[in-house]
Amino acid sequence: FFFFFKIKSSFKDTAGITYDYLSIGHEYFFLNRLDLAKQYLDKALNLKINQKIIDKETADIYNRLGDLYSETEDLKSSLKLYTTALYINQKLNNRRNVSINYFNIGTLLLKVGKYEESKRYLIDCKKIAIEINDLDLLSDVYEKLMLTYEKTGILHEALNYSKLYNDSKNKMITLNNYEKLNELGIKY
């Protein structure tokens, strides 16, 4: 990986270098090495800013930095980064990433006790997740809406979202098992 990174550097392949910084930042994030993740994500973002490139990858960098700041409890910075990613994804008309940004912002607002705002973002996320048929995201948003309604004392809605959450999880398990059975059928 670092070998190819050096080759890209020697050819001044800015797009390739940015992608590598983003990939390394992702890996460090998932390894919970947040200091190193931030270092590489900042490098990727700086390259994008210097090149004046605003694209899906730029939005991904802002979103991952939002995740990172959320993990370190710098929620104000996290919200700003998520909002920037949302703005970019809206401009690019990237519906799936817009829904993910809505989810992240809604989850963050839930975390800080801004339940009504959280609900708005989560409901917007739900609408898009249904449109694009993203069952994983839909399941996650049902869970967060259940918690939001529970926190606001609207228990019949919390129960409704609890049922939707459980149904969606069961549906995903069934689909996963069906895919595995199909794979076994193809192999034999």
N, C-alpha and C. Protein backbone atom coordinates (compact mmCIF):
# COMPACT_ATOMS: atom_id res chain seq x y z
N PHE A 1 0.83 -1.19 0.00
CA PHE A 1 0.00 0.00 0.00
C PHE A 1 0.87 1.25 0.00
N PHE A 2 1.82 1.30 0.95
CA PHE A 2 2.69 2.47 1.03
C PHE A 2 3.63 2.56 -0.17
N PHE A 3 3.95 1.41 -0.79
CA PHE A 3 4.77 1.39 -2.01
C PHE A 3 4.05 2.16 -3.12
N PHE A 4 2.77 1.84 -3.33
CA PHE A 4 1.99 2.52 -4.37
C PHE A 4 1.81 3.99 -4.03
N PHE A 5 1.70 4.27 -2.73
CA PHE A 5 1.58 5.66 -2.29
C PHE A 5 2.82 6.45 -2.71
N LYS A 6 4.01 5.85 -2.55
CA LYS A 6 5.25 6.52 -2.93
C LYS A 6 5.31 6.74 -4.44
N ILE A 7 4.82 5.77 -5.21
CA ILE A 7 4.80 5.92 -6.67
C ILE A 7 3.88 7.08 -7.05
N LYS A 8 2.70 7.12 -6.44
CA LYS A 8 1.76 8.20 -6.74
C LYS A 8 2.36 9.55 -6.37
N SER A 9 3.10 9.57 -5.26
CA SER A 9 3.73 10.82 -4.83
C SER A 9 4.77 11.28 -5.84
N SER A 10 5.56 10.33 -6.35
CA SER A 10 6.61 10.69 -7.29
C SER A 10 6.03 11.21 -8.61
N PHE A 11 4.84 10.75 -8.98
CA PHE A 11 4.19 11.23 -10.20
C PHE A 11 3.25 12.40 -9.93
N LYS A 12 3.23 12.86 -8.68
CA LYS A 12 2.35 13.96 -8.28
C LYS A 12 0.88 13.68 -8.62
N ASP A 13 0.47 12.44 -8.37
CA ASP A 13 -0.91 12.00 -8.61
C ASP A 13 -1.76 12.43 -7.42
N THR A 14 -2.19 13.69 -7.43
CA THR A 14 -2.91 14.26 -6.29
C THR A 14 -4.19 13.49 -5.98
N ALA A 15 -4.93 13.11 -7.01
CA ALA A 15 -6.17 12.36 -6.79
C ALA A 15 -5.88 11.02 -6.11
N GLY A 16 -4.84 10.34 -6.57
CA GLY A 16 -4.47 9.05 -5.98
C GLY A 16 -3.98 9.21 -4.55
N ILE A 17 -3.20 10.26 -4.31
CA ILE A 17 -2.68 10.52 -2.96
C ILE A 17 -3.83 10.84 -2.02
N THR A 18 -4.76 11.67 -2.48
CA THR A 18 -5.92 12.01 -1.65
C THR A 18 -6.71 10.77 -1.29
N TYR A 19 -6.95 9.92 -2.28
CA TYR A 19 -7.67 8.67 -2.06
C TYR A 19 -6.94 7.80 -1.03
N ASP A 20 -5.62 7.73 -1.17
CA ASP A 20 -4.83 6.93 -0.22
C ASP A 20 -4.91 7.51 1.19
N TYR A 21 -4.79 8.82 1.32
CA TYR A 21 -4.92 9.45 2.64
C TYR A 21 -6.28 9.13 3.25
N LEU A 22 -7.32 9.24 2.43
CA LEU A 22 -8.67 8.94 2.91
C LEU A 22 -8.78 7.48 3.34
N SER A 23 -8.25 6.57 2.53
CA SER A 23 -8.30 5.14 2.86
C SER A 23 -7.54 4.83 4.14
N ILE A 24 -6.35 5.42 4.29
CA ILE A 24 -5.55 5.20 5.49
C ILE A 24 -6.30 5.79 6.70
N GLY A 25 -6.88 6.97 6.52
CA GLY A 25 -7.66 7.59 7.60
C GLY A 25 -8.82 6.70 8.03
N HIS A 26 -9.53 6.11 7.04
CA HIS A 26 -10.63 5.18 7.35
C HIS A 26 -10.11 4.00 8.17
N GLU A 27 -9.01 3.42 7.71
CA GLU A 27 -8.47 2.24 8.41
C GLU A 27 -8.09 2.57 9.84
N TYR A 28 -7.40 3.68 10.05
CA TYR A 28 -7.03 4.08 11.40
C TYR A 28 -8.27 4.37 12.25
N PHE A 29 -9.31 4.93 11.64
CA PHE A 29 -10.55 5.19 12.37
C PHE A 29 -11.13 3.88 12.89
N PHE A 30 -11.21 2.87 12.01
CA PHE A 30 -11.79 1.60 12.41
C PHE A 30 -10.90 0.82 13.37
N LEU A 31 -9.62 1.15 13.41
CA LEU A 31 -8.71 0.56 14.39
C LEU A 31 -8.71 1.35 15.69
N ASN A 32 -9.55 2.40 15.74
CA ASN A 32 -9.68 3.29 16.90
C ASN A 32 -8.38 4.04 17.19
N ARG A 33 -7.59 4.29 16.17
CA ARG A 33 -6.40 5.13 16.27
C ARG A 33 -6.77 6.51 15.76
N LEU A 34 -7.57 7.21 16.57
CA LEU A 34 -8.22 8.44 16.12
C LEU A 34 -7.22 9.55 15.82
N ASP A 35 -6.10 9.58 16.55
CA ASP A 35 -5.09 10.61 16.28
C ASP A 35 -4.50 10.45 14.89
N LEU A 36 -4.19 9.22 14.52
CA LEU A 36 -3.64 8.96 13.18
C LEU A 36 -4.72 9.10 12.10
N ALA A 37 -5.94 8.70 12.42
CA ALA A 37 -7.04 8.87 11.46
C ALA A 37 -7.21 10.35 11.14
N LYS A 38 -7.23 11.18 12.16
CA LYS A 38 -7.39 12.62 11.95
C LYS A 38 -6.25 13.18 11.11
N GLN A 39 -5.04 12.74 11.39
CA GLN A 39 -3.87 13.23 10.65
C GLN A 39 -4.03 12.97 9.15
N TYR A 40 -4.41 11.75 8.79
CA TYR A 40 -4.54 11.40 7.37
C TYR A 40 -5.78 12.01 6.72
N LEU A 41 -6.86 12.08 7.47
CA LEU A 41 -8.06 12.71 6.92
C LEU A 41 -7.84 14.20 6.70
N ASP A 42 -7.14 14.85 7.62
CA ASP A 42 -6.81 16.27 7.43
C ASP A 42 -5.94 16.48 6.19
N LYS A 43 -4.99 15.58 5.97
CA LYS A 43 -4.15 15.67 4.78
C LYS A 43 -4.99 15.54 3.51
N ALA A 44 -5.90 14.58 3.52
CA ALA A 44 -6.77 14.39 2.35
C ALA A 44 -7.63 15.62 2.11
N LEU A 45 -8.19 16.16 3.18
CA LEU A 45 -9.04 17.34 3.05
C LEU A 45 -8.26 18.55 2.56
N ASN A 46 -7.05 18.73 3.09
CA ASN A 46 -6.22 19.85 2.65
C ASN A 46 -5.89 19.76 1.16
N LEU A 47 -5.63 18.56 0.67
CA LEU A 47 -5.38 18.39 -0.77
C LEU A 47 -6.61 18.78 -1.58
N LYS A 48 -7.78 18.35 -1.12
CA LYS A 48 -9.02 18.69 -1.82
C LYS A 48 -9.25 20.21 -1.82
N ILE A 49 -9.03 20.84 -0.66
CA ILE A 49 -9.24 22.29 -0.55
C ILE A 49 -8.25 23.04 -1.43
N ASN A 50 -6.99 22.63 -1.39
CA ASN A 50 -5.96 23.29 -2.22
C ASN A 50 -6.26 23.15 -3.71
N GLN A 51 -6.83 22.03 -4.10
CA GLN A 51 -7.16 21.80 -5.51
C GLN A 51 -8.54 22.39 -5.87
N LYS A 52 -9.25 22.89 -4.84
CA LYS A 52 -10.60 23.45 -5.03
C LYS A 52 -11.54 22.41 -5.65
N ILE A 53 -11.45 21.18 -5.11
CA ILE A 53 -12.28 20.09 -5.60
C ILE A 53 -13.34 19.77 -4.55
N ILE A 54 -14.58 19.88 -4.96
CA ILE A 54 -15.70 19.52 -4.09
C ILE A 54 -16.44 18.38 -4.80
N ASP A 55 -16.26 17.16 -4.28
CA ASP A 55 -16.88 15.99 -4.89
C ASP A 55 -17.29 15.01 -3.81
N LYS A 56 -17.75 13.84 -4.23
CA LYS A 56 -18.21 12.81 -3.28
C LYS A 56 -17.12 12.47 -2.27
N GLU A 57 -15.90 12.37 -2.75
CA GLU A 57 -14.78 12.04 -1.86
C GLU A 57 -14.58 13.13 -0.81
N THR A 58 -14.76 14.39 -1.19
CA THR A 58 -14.64 15.49 -0.24
C THR A 58 -15.72 15.36 0.84
N ALA A 59 -16.94 15.05 0.40
CA ALA A 59 -18.04 14.85 1.36
C ALA A 59 -17.73 13.68 2.29
N ASP A 60 -17.15 12.61 1.74
CA ASP A 60 -16.78 11.44 2.56
C ASP A 60 -15.75 11.83 3.63
N ILE A 61 -14.81 12.68 3.27
CA ILE A 61 -13.80 13.13 4.22
C ILE A 61 -14.47 13.92 5.35
N TYR A 62 -15.32 14.87 4.98
CA TYR A 62 -16.04 15.64 6.01
C TYR A 62 -16.88 14.73 6.90
N ASN A 63 -17.55 13.75 6.30
CA ASN A 63 -18.39 12.84 7.08
C ASN A 63 -17.55 12.02 8.06
N ARG A 64 -16.43 11.48 7.57
CA ARG A 64 -15.58 10.66 8.45
C ARG A 64 -14.98 11.52 9.56
N LEU A 65 -14.59 12.75 9.24
CA LEU A 65 -14.10 13.65 10.29
C LEU A 65 -15.22 13.94 11.30
N GLY A 66 -16.45 14.05 10.82
CA GLY A 66 -17.59 14.21 11.73
C GLY A 66 -17.71 13.01 12.67
N ASP A 67 -17.54 11.81 12.12
CA ASP A 67 -17.56 10.60 12.95
C ASP A 67 -16.46 10.65 14.00
N LEU A 68 -15.28 11.07 13.56
CA LEU A 68 -14.12 11.12 14.45
C LEU A 68 -14.37 12.11 15.61
N TYR A 69 -14.86 13.30 15.28
CA TYR A 69 -15.12 14.28 16.33
C TYR A 69 -16.26 13.84 17.23
N SER A 70 -17.22 13.12 16.70
CA SER A 70 -18.29 12.57 17.53
C SER A 70 -17.73 11.58 18.54
N GLU A 71 -16.79 10.76 18.07
CA GLU A 71 -16.15 9.78 18.97
C GLU A 71 -15.36 10.46 20.09
N THR A 72 -14.78 11.61 19.80
CA THR A 72 -13.99 12.32 20.81
C THR A 72 -14.83 13.31 21.61
N GLU A 73 -16.16 13.25 21.40
CA GLU A 73 -17.12 14.09 22.13
C GLU A 73 -17.02 15.58 21.80
N ASP A 74 -16.39 15.94 20.69
CA ASP A 74 -16.40 17.32 20.23
C ASP A 74 -17.61 17.44 19.29
N LEU A 75 -18.77 17.51 19.90
CA LEU A 75 -20.02 17.40 19.16
C LEU A 75 -20.32 18.63 18.31
N LYS A 76 -19.86 19.79 18.74
CA LYS A 76 -20.07 21.01 17.96
C LYS A 76 -19.32 20.91 16.62
N SER A 77 -18.05 20.49 16.69
CA SER A 77 -17.27 20.31 15.46
C SER A 77 -17.85 19.20 14.60
N SER A 78 -18.29 18.13 15.25
CA SER A 78 -18.87 17.01 14.52
C SER A 78 -20.10 17.46 13.74
N LEU A 79 -20.96 18.24 14.38
CA LEU A 79 -22.17 18.73 13.71
C LEU A 79 -21.82 19.61 12.51
N LYS A 80 -20.82 20.45 12.68
CA LYS A 80 -20.40 21.33 11.58
C LYS A 80 -19.88 20.50 10.40
N LEU A 81 -19.10 19.48 10.68
CA LEU A 81 -18.54 18.62 9.62
C LEU A 81 -19.63 17.81 8.93
N TYR A 82 -20.56 17.24 9.71
CA TYR A 82 -21.67 16.50 9.12
C TYR A 82 -22.53 17.41 8.23
N THR A 83 -22.75 18.64 8.70
CA THR A 83 -23.56 19.58 7.93
C THR A 83 -22.87 19.96 6.62
N THR A 84 -21.56 20.09 6.66
CA THR A 84 -20.81 20.37 5.43
C THR A 84 -20.91 19.20 4.46
N ALA A 85 -20.77 17.98 4.96
CA ALA A 85 -20.92 16.79 4.11
C ALA A 85 -22.32 16.74 3.52
N LEU A 86 -23.33 17.06 4.32
CA LEU A 86 -24.71 17.07 3.85
C LEU A 86 -24.88 18.08 2.71
N TYR A 87 -24.35 19.26 2.90
CA TYR A 87 -24.46 20.31 1.88
C TYR A 87 -23.84 19.85 0.55
N ILE A 88 -22.66 19.25 0.63
CA ILE A 88 -21.99 18.77 -0.58
C ILE A 88 -22.81 17.67 -1.25
N ASN A 89 -23.27 16.71 -0.46
CA ASN A 89 -24.04 15.60 -1.02
C ASN A 89 -25.37 16.06 -1.62
N GLN A 90 -25.98 17.10 -1.03
CA GLN A 90 -27.20 17.65 -1.61
C GLN A 90 -26.89 18.29 -2.96
N LYS A 91 -25.78 19.03 -3.04
CA LYS A 91 -25.39 19.65 -4.30
C LYS A 91 -25.10 18.60 -5.37
N LEU A 92 -24.54 17.47 -4.97
CA LEU A 92 -24.22 16.39 -5.90
C LEU A 92 -25.42 15.48 -6.19
N ASN A 93 -26.53 15.72 -5.47
CA ASN A 93 -27.73 14.90 -5.56
C ASN A 93 -27.44 13.42 -5.28
N ASN A 94 -26.60 13.19 -4.29
CA ASN A 94 -26.24 11.83 -3.88
C ASN A 94 -27.20 11.41 -2.77
N ARG A 95 -28.32 10.81 -3.16
CA ARG A 95 -29.42 10.51 -2.22
C ARG A 95 -28.98 9.60 -1.08
N ARG A 96 -28.22 8.57 -1.38
CA ARG A 96 -27.82 7.66 -0.31
C ARG A 96 -26.97 8.38 0.72
N ASN A 97 -25.98 9.14 0.28
CA ASN A 97 -25.12 9.83 1.23
C ASN A 97 -25.85 10.96 1.95
N VAL A 98 -26.81 11.58 1.29
CA VAL A 98 -27.65 12.57 1.98
C VAL A 98 -28.38 11.89 3.13
N SER A 99 -28.93 10.70 2.87
CA SER A 99 -29.65 9.99 3.94
C SER A 99 -28.71 9.61 5.08
N ILE A 100 -27.49 9.22 4.76
CA ILE A 100 -26.51 8.90 5.80
C ILE A 100 -26.17 10.15 6.61
N ASN A 101 -26.02 11.29 5.92
CA ASN A 101 -25.74 12.54 6.63
C ASN A 101 -26.91 12.92 7.54
N TYR A 102 -28.14 12.77 7.05
CA TYR A 102 -29.32 13.02 7.89
C TYR A 102 -29.27 12.11 9.13
N PHE A 103 -28.94 10.85 8.91
CA PHE A 103 -28.86 9.90 10.02
C PHE A 103 -27.81 10.34 11.04
N ASN A 104 -26.63 10.69 10.55
CA ASN A 104 -25.55 11.09 11.46
C ASN A 104 -25.92 12.34 12.26
N ILE A 105 -26.51 13.32 11.58
CA ILE A 105 -26.91 14.55 12.27
C ILE A 105 -28.03 14.25 13.27
N GLY A 106 -29.02 13.46 12.85
CA GLY A 106 -30.11 13.08 13.76
C GLY A 106 -29.61 12.34 14.98
N THR A 107 -28.67 11.43 14.78
CA THR A 107 -28.10 10.66 15.89
C THR A 107 -27.33 11.58 16.84
N LEU A 108 -26.58 12.51 16.28
CA LEU A 108 -25.82 13.45 17.09
C LEU A 108 -26.76 14.34 17.91
N LEU A 109 -27.82 14.83 17.28
CA LEU A 109 -28.78 15.67 17.99
C LEU A 109 -29.51 14.87 19.09
N LEU A 110 -29.77 13.61 18.84
CA LEU A 110 -30.35 12.74 19.86
C LEU A 110 -29.41 12.64 21.06
N LYS A 111 -28.13 12.49 20.76
CA LYS A 111 -27.11 12.35 21.79
C LYS A 111 -27.05 13.58 22.71
N VAL A 112 -27.29 14.78 22.14
CA VAL A 112 -27.21 16.01 22.94
C VAL A 112 -28.58 16.45 23.47
N GLY A 113 -29.61 15.64 23.24
CA GLY A 113 -30.91 15.93 23.82
C GLY A 113 -31.78 16.88 23.02
N LYS A 114 -31.44 17.14 21.77
CA LYS A 114 -32.27 18.00 20.91
C LYS A 114 -33.21 17.09 20.11
N TYR A 115 -34.22 16.58 20.80
CA TYR A 115 -35.05 15.51 20.27
C TYR A 115 -35.91 15.91 19.08
N GLU A 116 -36.48 17.10 19.11
CA GLU A 116 -37.33 17.52 18.00
C GLU A 116 -36.51 17.70 16.72
N GLU A 117 -35.34 18.32 16.84
CA GLU A 117 -34.46 18.46 15.67
C GLU A 117 -34.00 17.09 15.18
N SER A 118 -33.67 16.24 16.15
CA SER A 118 -33.23 14.88 15.82
C SER A 118 -34.31 14.16 15.01
N LYS A 119 -35.54 14.27 15.47
CA LYS A 119 -36.66 13.63 14.79
C LYS A 119 -36.77 14.08 13.33
N ARG A 120 -36.62 15.38 13.11
CA ARG A 120 -36.73 15.91 11.74
C ARG A 120 -35.70 15.27 10.81
N TYR A 121 -34.45 15.23 11.27
CA TYR A 121 -33.39 14.65 10.43
C TYR A 121 -33.60 13.15 10.24
N LEU A 122 -33.99 12.46 11.29
CA LEU A 122 -34.18 11.01 11.19
C LEU A 122 -35.36 10.67 10.29
N ILE A 123 -36.42 11.47 10.35
CA ILE A 123 -37.56 11.23 9.46
C ILE A 123 -37.16 11.48 8.00
N ASP A 124 -36.37 12.53 7.76
CA ASP A 124 -35.87 12.76 6.40
C ASP A 124 -35.01 11.59 5.93
N CYS A 125 -34.20 11.07 6.83
CA CYS A 125 -33.36 9.90 6.51
C CYS A 125 -34.25 8.72 6.16
N LYS A 126 -35.28 8.51 6.97
CA LYS A 126 -36.20 7.38 6.75
C LYS A 126 -36.85 7.47 5.37
N LYS A 127 -37.30 8.66 4.98
CA LYS A 127 -37.96 8.83 3.68
C LYS A 127 -37.04 8.41 2.54
N ILE A 128 -35.79 8.85 2.61
CA ILE A 128 -34.85 8.51 1.52
C ILE A 128 -34.49 7.03 1.57
N ALA A 129 -34.27 6.50 2.77
CA ALA A 129 -33.91 5.08 2.90
C ALA A 129 -35.01 4.20 2.31
N ILE A 130 -36.27 4.59 2.49
CA ILE A 130 -37.38 3.84 1.89
C ILE A 130 -37.33 3.98 0.36
N GLU A 131 -37.11 5.21 -0.12
CA GLU A 131 -37.05 5.45 -1.58
C GLU A 131 -35.97 4.62 -2.26
N ILE A 132 -34.80 4.56 -1.62
CA ILE A 132 -33.67 3.86 -2.25
C ILE A 132 -33.56 2.40 -1.81
N ASN A 133 -34.50 1.99 -0.95
CA ASN A 133 -34.57 0.59 -0.47
C ASN A 133 -33.29 0.16 0.25
N ASP A 134 -32.81 1.00 1.16
CA ASP A 134 -31.62 0.69 1.95
C ASP A 134 -32.06 0.11 3.29
N LEU A 135 -32.17 -1.22 3.34
CA LEU A 135 -32.70 -1.89 4.53
C LEU A 135 -31.82 -1.71 5.76
N ASP A 136 -30.50 -1.72 5.58
CA ASP A 136 -29.60 -1.54 6.72
C ASP A 136 -29.81 -0.18 7.36
N LEU A 137 -29.81 0.85 6.54
CA LEU A 137 -30.00 2.21 7.06
C LEU A 137 -31.39 2.37 7.65
N LEU A 138 -32.38 1.80 7.00
CA LEU A 138 -33.75 1.88 7.49
C LEU A 138 -33.88 1.25 8.87
N SER A 139 -33.25 0.12 9.05
CA SER A 139 -33.27 -0.53 10.36
C SER A 139 -32.62 0.36 11.42
N ASP A 140 -31.48 0.94 11.08
CA ASP A 140 -30.79 1.82 12.02
C ASP A 140 -31.62 3.05 12.37
N VAL A 141 -32.28 3.63 11.36
CA VAL A 141 -33.08 4.83 11.61
C VAL A 141 -34.33 4.50 12.43
N TYR A 142 -34.91 3.32 12.22
CA TYR A 142 -36.04 2.91 13.06
C TYR A 142 -35.61 2.84 14.53
N GLU A 143 -34.43 2.30 14.75
CA GLU A 143 -33.94 2.19 16.13
C GLU A 143 -33.77 3.59 16.75
N LYS A 144 -33.17 4.51 16.01
CA LYS A 144 -32.96 5.87 16.54
C LYS A 144 -34.28 6.61 16.74
N LEU A 145 -35.23 6.42 15.83
CA LEU A 145 -36.54 7.04 16.01
C LEU A 145 -37.26 6.46 17.22
N MET A 146 -37.11 5.16 17.45
CA MET A 146 -37.68 4.54 18.64
C MET A 146 -37.12 5.22 19.89
N LEU A 147 -35.81 5.43 19.95
CA LEU A 147 -35.18 6.07 21.10
C LEU A 147 -35.62 7.52 21.24
N THR A 148 -35.73 8.22 20.10
CA THR A 148 -36.14 9.63 20.13
C THR A 148 -37.55 9.77 20.68
N TYR A 149 -38.47 8.95 20.19
CA TYR A 149 -39.85 9.02 20.69
C TYR A 149 -39.94 8.57 22.15
N GLU A 150 -39.12 7.62 22.51
CA GLU A 150 -39.08 7.19 23.91
C GLU A 150 -38.64 8.35 24.81
N LYS A 151 -37.60 9.06 24.39
CA LYS A 151 -37.07 10.20 25.17
C LYS A 151 -38.09 11.33 25.28
N THR A 152 -38.94 11.49 24.25
CA THR A 152 -39.92 12.58 24.28
C THR A 152 -41.24 12.13 24.92
N GLY A 153 -41.30 10.89 25.35
CA GLY A 153 -42.48 10.40 26.04
C GLY A 153 -43.64 10.02 25.14
N ILE A 154 -43.41 9.94 23.85
CA ILE A 154 -44.48 9.53 22.92
C ILE A 154 -44.32 8.02 22.72
N LEU A 155 -44.81 7.30 23.70
CA LEU A 155 -44.51 5.87 23.78
C LEU A 155 -45.19 5.03 22.71
N HIS A 156 -46.37 5.44 22.23
CA HIS A 156 -47.01 4.66 21.17
C HIS A 156 -46.19 4.73 19.88
N GLU A 157 -45.55 5.88 19.61
CA GLU A 157 -44.66 5.98 18.44
C GLU A 157 -43.37 5.19 18.68
N ALA A 158 -42.88 5.24 19.91
CA ALA A 158 -41.68 4.46 20.25
C ALA A 158 -41.95 2.97 20.03
N LEU A 159 -43.11 2.52 20.44
CA LEU A 159 -43.49 1.11 20.26
C LEU A 159 -43.63 0.78 18.78
N ASN A 160 -44.24 1.69 18.02
CA ASN A 160 -44.38 1.50 16.58
C ASN A 160 -43.01 1.33 15.92
N TYR A 161 -42.07 2.22 16.26
CA TYR A 161 -40.73 2.13 15.67
C TYR A 161 -39.96 0.92 16.19
N SER A 162 -40.25 0.49 17.40
CA SER A 162 -39.64 -0.73 17.93
C SER A 162 -40.06 -1.93 17.08
N LYS A 163 -41.35 -1.98 16.74
CA LYS A 163 -41.85 -3.08 15.89
C LYS A 163 -41.23 -3.01 14.50
N LEU A 164 -41.17 -1.79 13.93
CA LEU A 164 -40.56 -1.64 12.61
C LEU A 164 -39.08 -2.05 12.64
N TYR A 165 -38.39 -1.68 13.70
CA TYR A 165 -36.98 -2.04 13.86
C TYR A 165 -36.83 -3.56 13.90
N ASN A 166 -37.63 -4.22 14.74
CA ASN A 166 -37.53 -5.68 14.85
C ASN A 166 -37.90 -6.36 13.54
N ASP A 167 -38.95 -5.87 12.88
CA ASP A 167 -39.35 -6.45 11.58
C ASP A 167 -38.24 -6.29 10.54
N SER A 168 -37.61 -5.11 10.51
CA SER A 168 -36.55 -4.88 9.52
C SER A 168 -35.33 -5.75 9.81
N LYS A 169 -35.01 -5.91 11.08
CA LYS A 169 -33.87 -6.79 11.43
C LYS A 169 -34.17 -8.23 11.00
N ASN A 170 -35.39 -8.69 11.27
CA ASN A 170 -35.78 -10.05 10.87
C ASN A 170 -35.75 -10.21 9.36
N LYS A 171 -36.20 -9.18 8.64
CA LYS A 171 -36.18 -9.23 7.18
C LYS A 171 -34.75 -9.32 6.65
N MET A 172 -33.85 -8.57 7.27
CA MET A 172 -32.44 -8.62 6.83
C MET A 172 -31.83 -9.99 7.11
N ILE A 173 -32.17 -10.58 8.25
CA ILE A 173 -31.66 -11.91 8.58
C ILE A 173 -32.19 -12.93 7.57
N THR A 174 -33.47 -12.82 7.24
CA THR A 174 -34.07 -13.73 6.26
C THR A 174 -33.41 -13.58 4.90
N LEU A 175 -33.21 -12.33 4.47
CA LEU A 175 -32.55 -12.09 3.17
C LEU A 175 -31.12 -12.62 3.17
N ASN A 176 -30.42 -12.43 4.26
CA ASN A 176 -29.05 -12.91 4.38
C ASN A 176 -29.01 -14.44 4.30
N ASN A 177 -29.92 -15.08 5.02
CA ASN A 177 -29.99 -16.55 4.99
C ASN A 177 -30.35 -17.05 3.60
N TYR A 178 -31.26 -16.35 2.92
CA TYR A 178 -31.66 -16.71 1.57
C TYR A 178 -30.47 -16.62 0.62
N GLU A 179 -29.68 -15.54 0.75
CA GLU A 179 -28.49 -15.38 -0.09
C GLU A 179 -27.48 -16.49 0.16
N LYS A 180 -27.31 -16.87 1.42
CA LYS A 180 -26.37 -17.95 1.75
C LYS A 180 -26.83 -19.28 1.18
N LEU A 181 -28.15 -19.53 1.26
CA LEU A 181 -28.69 -20.77 0.69
C LEU A 181 -28.49 -20.79 -0.83
N ASN A 182 -28.70 -19.65 -1.47
CA ASN A 182 -28.47 -19.57 -2.92
C ASN A 182 -27.02 -19.83 -3.27
N GLU A 183 -26.10 -19.29 -2.48
CA GLU A 183 -24.67 -19.52 -2.72
C GLU A 183 -24.34 -21.00 -2.58
N LEU A 184 -24.91 -21.66 -1.55
CA LEU A 184 -24.67 -23.08 -1.38
C LEU A 184 -25.25 -23.88 -2.55
N GLY A 185 -26.43 -23.47 -3.01
CA GLY A 185 -27.05 -24.14 -4.14
C GLY A 185 -26.23 -24.02 -5.40
N ILE A 186 -25.61 -22.86 -5.60
CA ILE A 186 -24.78 -22.64 -6.79
C ILE A 186 -23.51 -23.47 -6.70
N LYS A 187 -22.93 -23.57 -5.49
CA LYS A 187 -21.67 -24.31 -5.33
C LYS A 187 -21.87 -25.81 -5.56
N TYR A 188 -23.03 -26.31 -5.18
CA TYR A 188 -23.25 -27.77 -5.28
C TYR A 188 -24.28 -28.03 -6.32
